[in-house]
Amino acid sequence: MPRARSQQIDDWQTAAADDNAGGCLSFYALPPLAVILISCLLAALASNIPIQTSASPNVQSVSIASTAPPPSSGLSPIFTREVQYWGINIVRWANASSLDPNLVATVMQIESCGDPNALSRSGAMGLFQVMPFHFHYGENGFDTETNALRGLEYLARSLQTAGGDPRLALAGYNGGIGVINRGEWTWHAETARYVRYGAPIYTDARSGFTSSVSLDEWYQNYGAGLCRQAAQRLGINP
């Protein structure tokens, strides 16, 4: 979230059956016609039994499929387990804000790694590290619904100002919407770093990758402590 001050690096640490046919031929004698007809009729009836039995697994498979668990959130698998914890909510919040869930997850990943009680030295709060002045009077900034509402309102504004460019939207979310229309050489170092990690993480997520070198690098350099704290607060076992 846009900071009222220069954010320090440590804010980032805070899814051939055999077909058996019957016959009615005797190799020993030619019985009367009636016996032949009766024998063939009985054989024909017997030959139908396997066919009826083989249909039963299909009926069972339909029943099993109907009781299958609901689909996953659909987020990219590159995000850490702490962010995946919020997957269903991320999709819901993103849809309500007309945003790509993977962009929302990218912001949460870098801002808090899914820690709902994250608090930076400058006072940025919660999952999306929203500054206090973005909340309305009487709102609890650590309430996840409120935090998501205000944070994603700002992200949506940033994306609109950036003409739909997610890279610039990330810059605006971190450094303030005003930086979007300024030259990148004027960006604060923290904003440039935010975009350097966030943009490729988002690209990897929406490209269907199963891992992200950029996310791994961010984790090693800035996110390990932040995610460890998030895991503890969420009750996620190591």
Protein backbone atom coordinates (compact mmCIF):
# COMPACT_ATOMS: atom_id res chain seq x y z
CA MET A 1 0.00 0.00 0.00
CA PRO A 2 1.28 3.54 -0.61
CA ARG A 3 3.39 4.54 2.31
CA ALA A 4 3.61 7.90 4.00
CA ARG A 5 7.32 7.26 4.29
CA SER A 6 10.10 5.30 2.66
CA GLN A 7 9.34 1.65 3.50
CA GLN A 8 12.30 -0.39 4.65
CA ILE A 9 13.19 -3.81 3.24
CA ASP A 10 12.34 -5.56 6.50
CA ASP A 11 8.63 -4.71 6.02
CA TRP A 12 8.63 -7.70 3.63
CA GLN A 13 9.96 -10.00 6.36
CA THR A 14 7.45 -8.81 9.06
CA ALA A 15 -5.58 -32.14 -8.93
CA ALA A 16 -10.14 -54.96 -22.86
CA ALA A 17 -12.74 -56.12 -20.80
CA ASP A 18 -13.12 -59.62 -22.29
CA ASP A 19 -16.36 -60.09 -24.25
CA ASN A 20 -17.54 -63.68 -23.51
CA ALA A 21 -19.92 -65.12 -26.11
CA GLY A 22 -22.07 -68.23 -25.47
CA GLY A 23 -22.64 -71.08 -28.00
CA CYS A 24 -25.04 -74.10 -28.37
CA LEU A 25 -23.16 -76.72 -30.44
CA SER A 26 -22.89 -80.39 -29.38
CA PHE A 27 -20.05 -82.48 -30.81
CA TYR A 28 -21.56 -85.81 -29.72
CA ALA A 29 -25.14 -86.15 -31.09
CA LEU A 30 -27.85 -84.21 -32.83
CA PRO A 31 -30.71 -83.90 -30.27
CA PRO A 32 -34.33 -83.28 -31.17
CA LEU A 33 -35.17 -79.80 -32.48
CA ALA A 34 -37.02 -78.87 -29.32
CA VAL A 35 -33.98 -79.63 -27.18
CA ILE A 36 -31.77 -77.61 -29.49
CA LEU A 37 -34.09 -74.59 -29.34
CA ILE A 38 -34.39 -74.76 -25.56
CA SER A 39 -30.61 -75.12 -25.12
CA CYS A 40 -29.91 -72.15 -27.39
CA LEU A 41 -32.51 -70.04 -25.61
CA LEU A 42 -30.96 -70.80 -22.21
CA ALA A 43 -27.48 -70.05 -23.53
CA ALA A 44 -28.62 -66.78 -25.02
CA LEU A 45 -30.19 -65.73 -21.75
CA ALA A 46 -27.03 -66.67 -19.85
CA SER A 47 -24.87 -64.68 -22.26
CA ASN A 48 -26.72 -61.48 -21.34
CA ILE A 49 -25.74 -61.64 -17.68
CA PRO A 50 -22.14 -60.38 -18.07
CA ILE A 51 -23.34 -57.49 -20.21
CA GLN A 52 -25.76 -56.30 -17.54
CA THR A 53 -23.14 -56.71 -14.80
CA SER A 54 -20.50 -54.74 -16.74
CA ALA A 55 -22.80 -51.74 -16.82
CA SER A 56 -22.88 -51.38 -13.05
CA PRO A 57 -19.41 -49.77 -12.64
CA ASN A 58 -20.53 -46.91 -14.89
CA VAL A 59 -23.45 -46.18 -12.63
CA GLN A 60 -21.18 -46.23 -9.59
CA SER A 61 -18.66 -43.86 -11.18
CA VAL A 62 -21.37 -41.28 -11.81
CA SER A 63 -22.38 -41.49 -8.16
CA ILE A 64 -18.77 -41.06 -6.99
CA ALA A 65 -18.24 -38.09 -9.27
CA SER A 66 -21.34 -36.40 -7.91
CA THR A 67 -19.90 -36.49 -4.39
CA ALA A 68 -16.41 -35.25 -5.34
CA PRO A 69 -15.04 -32.31 -3.32
CA PRO A 70 -15.49 -28.81 -4.74
CA PRO A 71 -12.77 -27.45 -7.03
CA SER A 72 -9.80 -25.57 -5.59
CA SER A 73 -9.57 -21.78 -5.62
CA GLY A 74 -7.90 -21.84 -9.02
CA LEU A 75 -4.96 -19.71 -7.88
CA SER A 76 -1.59 -20.40 -9.40
CA PRO A 77 0.35 -23.01 -7.41
CA ILE A 78 3.43 -20.78 -7.28
CA PHE A 79 2.19 -18.86 -4.24
CA THR A 80 3.27 -19.97 -0.79
CA ARG A 81 0.99 -22.07 1.41
CA GLU A 82 0.26 -19.06 3.60
CA VAL A 83 -1.24 -17.21 0.64
CA GLN A 84 -2.97 -20.36 -0.64
CA TYR A 85 -4.66 -20.50 2.77
CA TRP A 86 -6.69 -17.48 1.67
CA GLY A 87 -7.34 -18.82 -1.84
CA ILE A 88 -11.15 -18.95 -1.80
CA ASN A 89 -11.33 -15.52 -0.21
CA ILE A 90 -8.81 -14.08 -2.66
CA VAL A 91 -10.96 -15.19 -5.59
CA ARG A 92 -14.08 -13.73 -3.94
CA TRP A 93 -12.41 -10.44 -3.12
CA ALA A 94 -10.87 -10.21 -6.59
CA ASN A 95 -14.19 -10.84 -8.33
CA ALA A 96 -15.88 -8.18 -6.20
CA SER A 97 -13.17 -5.70 -7.26
CA SER A 98 -13.01 -6.83 -10.93
CA LEU A 99 -9.37 -7.84 -10.49
CA ASP A 100 -7.38 -10.90 -11.49
CA PRO A 101 -7.09 -13.17 -8.42
CA ASN A 102 -3.45 -13.86 -9.27
CA LEU A 103 -2.68 -10.14 -9.18
CA VAL A 104 -4.39 -9.90 -5.80
CA ALA A 105 -2.41 -12.92 -4.57
CA THR A 106 0.82 -11.34 -5.82
CA VAL A 107 0.15 -8.23 -3.73
CA MET A 108 -0.74 -10.29 -0.66
CA GLN A 109 2.37 -12.43 -1.13
CA ILE A 110 4.73 -9.48 -1.06
CA GLU A 111 2.86 -7.34 1.44
CA SER A 112 2.12 -9.82 4.24
CA CYS A 113 2.57 -13.42 3.02
CA GLY A 114 -0.98 -13.96 4.27
CA ASP A 115 -0.48 -12.68 7.82
CA PRO A 116 -3.75 -10.94 8.80
CA ASN A 117 -2.05 -9.24 11.75
CA ALA A 118 1.01 -7.97 9.89
CA LEU A 119 2.04 -4.47 10.97
CA SER A 120 4.85 -2.44 9.47
CA ARG A 121 6.93 0.17 11.26
CA SER A 122 5.05 2.86 9.36
CA GLY A 123 1.68 1.52 10.52
CA ALA A 124 0.59 -0.37 7.39
CA MET A 125 -1.89 -3.02 8.48
CA GLY A 126 -3.10 -6.50 7.69
CA LEU A 127 -3.16 -8.77 4.68
CA PHE A 128 -2.72 -5.97 2.13
CA GLN A 129 -0.71 -3.60 4.36
CA VAL A 130 -3.20 -0.76 4.15
CA MET A 131 -2.21 2.54 5.71
CA PRO A 132 -4.59 3.79 8.41
CA PHE A 133 -5.70 6.86 6.46
CA HIS A 134 -7.32 4.63 3.83
CA PHE A 135 -9.87 3.28 6.31
CA HIS A 136 -13.16 4.94 7.07
CA TYR A 137 -13.94 6.19 10.54
CA GLY A 138 -14.61 3.33 12.95
CA GLU A 139 -13.28 0.57 10.67
CA ASN A 140 -10.99 -2.11 12.03
CA GLY A 141 -8.00 -2.26 9.71
CA PHE A 142 -7.10 -5.77 10.84
CA ASP A 143 -10.52 -7.17 9.94
CA THR A 144 -9.76 -9.22 6.84
CA GLU A 145 -12.90 -8.21 4.93
CA THR A 146 -12.32 -4.52 5.62
CA ASN A 147 -8.62 -4.78 4.85
CA ALA A 148 -9.31 -6.49 1.53
CA LEU A 149 -12.02 -3.98 0.63
CA ARG A 150 -9.84 -0.92 1.15
CA GLY A 151 -6.66 -2.43 -0.19
CA LEU A 152 -8.23 -3.72 -3.39
CA GLU A 153 -10.13 -0.50 -3.92
CA TYR A 154 -6.74 1.17 -4.16
CA LEU A 155 -5.29 -1.57 -6.34
CA ALA A 156 -8.24 -1.28 -8.75
CA ARG A 157 -7.74 2.50 -8.94
CA SER A 158 -4.06 1.99 -9.54
CA LEU A 159 -4.72 -0.48 -12.35
CA GLN A 160 -7.24 1.85 -13.96
CA THR A 161 -4.81 4.77 -13.78
CA ALA A 162 -2.12 2.54 -15.31
CA GLY A 163 -4.36 1.77 -18.29
CA GLY A 164 -4.55 -1.90 -17.32
CA ASP A 165 -0.77 -2.35 -17.06
CA PRO A 166 -0.25 -4.60 -14.00
CA ARG A 167 3.40 -3.65 -13.70
CA LEU A 168 2.58 0.04 -13.31
CA ALA A 169 -0.37 -0.84 -11.08
CA LEU A 170 2.01 -2.57 -8.69
CA ALA A 171 4.20 0.53 -8.67
CA GLY A 172 1.17 2.67 -7.90
CA TYR A 173 0.03 0.38 -5.11
CA ASN A 174 3.38 0.58 -3.37
CA GLY A 175 4.56 4.09 -4.16
CA GLY A 176 1.27 5.91 -4.60
CA ILE A 177 -0.79 6.31 -7.75
CA GLY A 178 1.10 9.49 -8.59
CA VAL A 179 4.24 7.51 -9.51
CA ILE A 180 2.49 5.82 -12.42
CA ASN A 181 2.80 8.81 -14.71
CA ARG A 182 6.33 9.66 -13.64
CA GLY A 183 9.55 8.31 -15.08
CA GLU A 184 10.80 5.16 -13.44
CA TRP A 185 14.10 6.82 -12.61
CA THR A 186 12.13 8.94 -10.10
CA TRP A 187 10.71 5.93 -8.26
CA HIS A 188 11.92 5.25 -4.78
CA ALA A 189 14.23 2.25 -4.53
CA GLU A 190 11.64 0.33 -2.53
CA THR A 191 9.02 0.81 -5.26
CA ALA A 192 11.46 -0.26 -7.97
CA ARG A 193 12.29 -3.37 -5.94
CA TYR A 194 8.59 -4.07 -5.38
CA VAL A 195 7.96 -4.02 -9.12
CA ARG A 196 11.13 -5.98 -9.91
CA TYR A 197 9.79 -8.92 -7.90
CA GLY A 198 6.03 -8.42 -8.20
CA ALA A 199 5.74 -8.08 -11.98
CA PRO A 200 7.51 -11.35 -12.89
CA ILE A 201 5.77 -13.21 -10.04
CA TYR A 202 2.43 -12.14 -11.50
CA THR A 203 3.55 -13.04 -15.02
CA ASP A 204 4.58 -16.52 -13.87
CA ALA A 205 1.27 -16.96 -12.06
CA ARG A 206 -0.95 -16.07 -14.99
CA SER A 207 1.23 -18.02 -17.43
CA GLY A 208 0.38 -21.30 -15.72
CA PHE A 209 3.82 -22.00 -14.29
CA THR A 210 4.11 -24.36 -11.34
CA SER A 211 7.05 -22.52 -9.83
CA SER A 212 8.55 -19.06 -9.98
CA VAL A 213 12.22 -18.17 -9.80
CA SER A 214 11.29 -14.60 -8.92
CA LEU A 215 9.08 -15.69 -6.03
CA ASP A 216 11.80 -18.02 -4.77
CA GLU A 217 14.30 -15.17 -4.90
CA TRP A 218 11.93 -12.82 -3.08
CA TYR A 219 11.33 -15.48 -0.43
CA GLN A 220 15.01 -16.09 0.15
CA ASN A 221 15.91 -12.41 0.30
CA TYR A 222 12.89 -10.89 2.06
CA GLY A 223 10.03 -13.29 2.66
CA ALA A 224 11.24 -16.17 4.84
CA GLY A 225 10.70 -14.44 8.17
CA LEU A 226 7.46 -12.83 7.04
CA CYS A 227 6.03 -16.16 5.88
CA ARG A 228 7.23 -17.97 8.98
CA GLN A 229 5.36 -15.45 11.13
CA ALA A 230 2.27 -15.82 8.93
CA ALA A 231 2.37 -19.61 9.22
CA GLN A 232 2.54 -19.40 12.99
CA ARG A 233 -0.41 -17.03 13.21
CA LEU A 234 -2.48 -19.12 10.80
CA GLY A 235 -1.64 -22.34 12.62
CA ILE A 236 0.04 -23.90 9.61
CA ASN A 237 2.43 -26.65 10.63
CA PRO A 238 6.03 -26.46 9.37
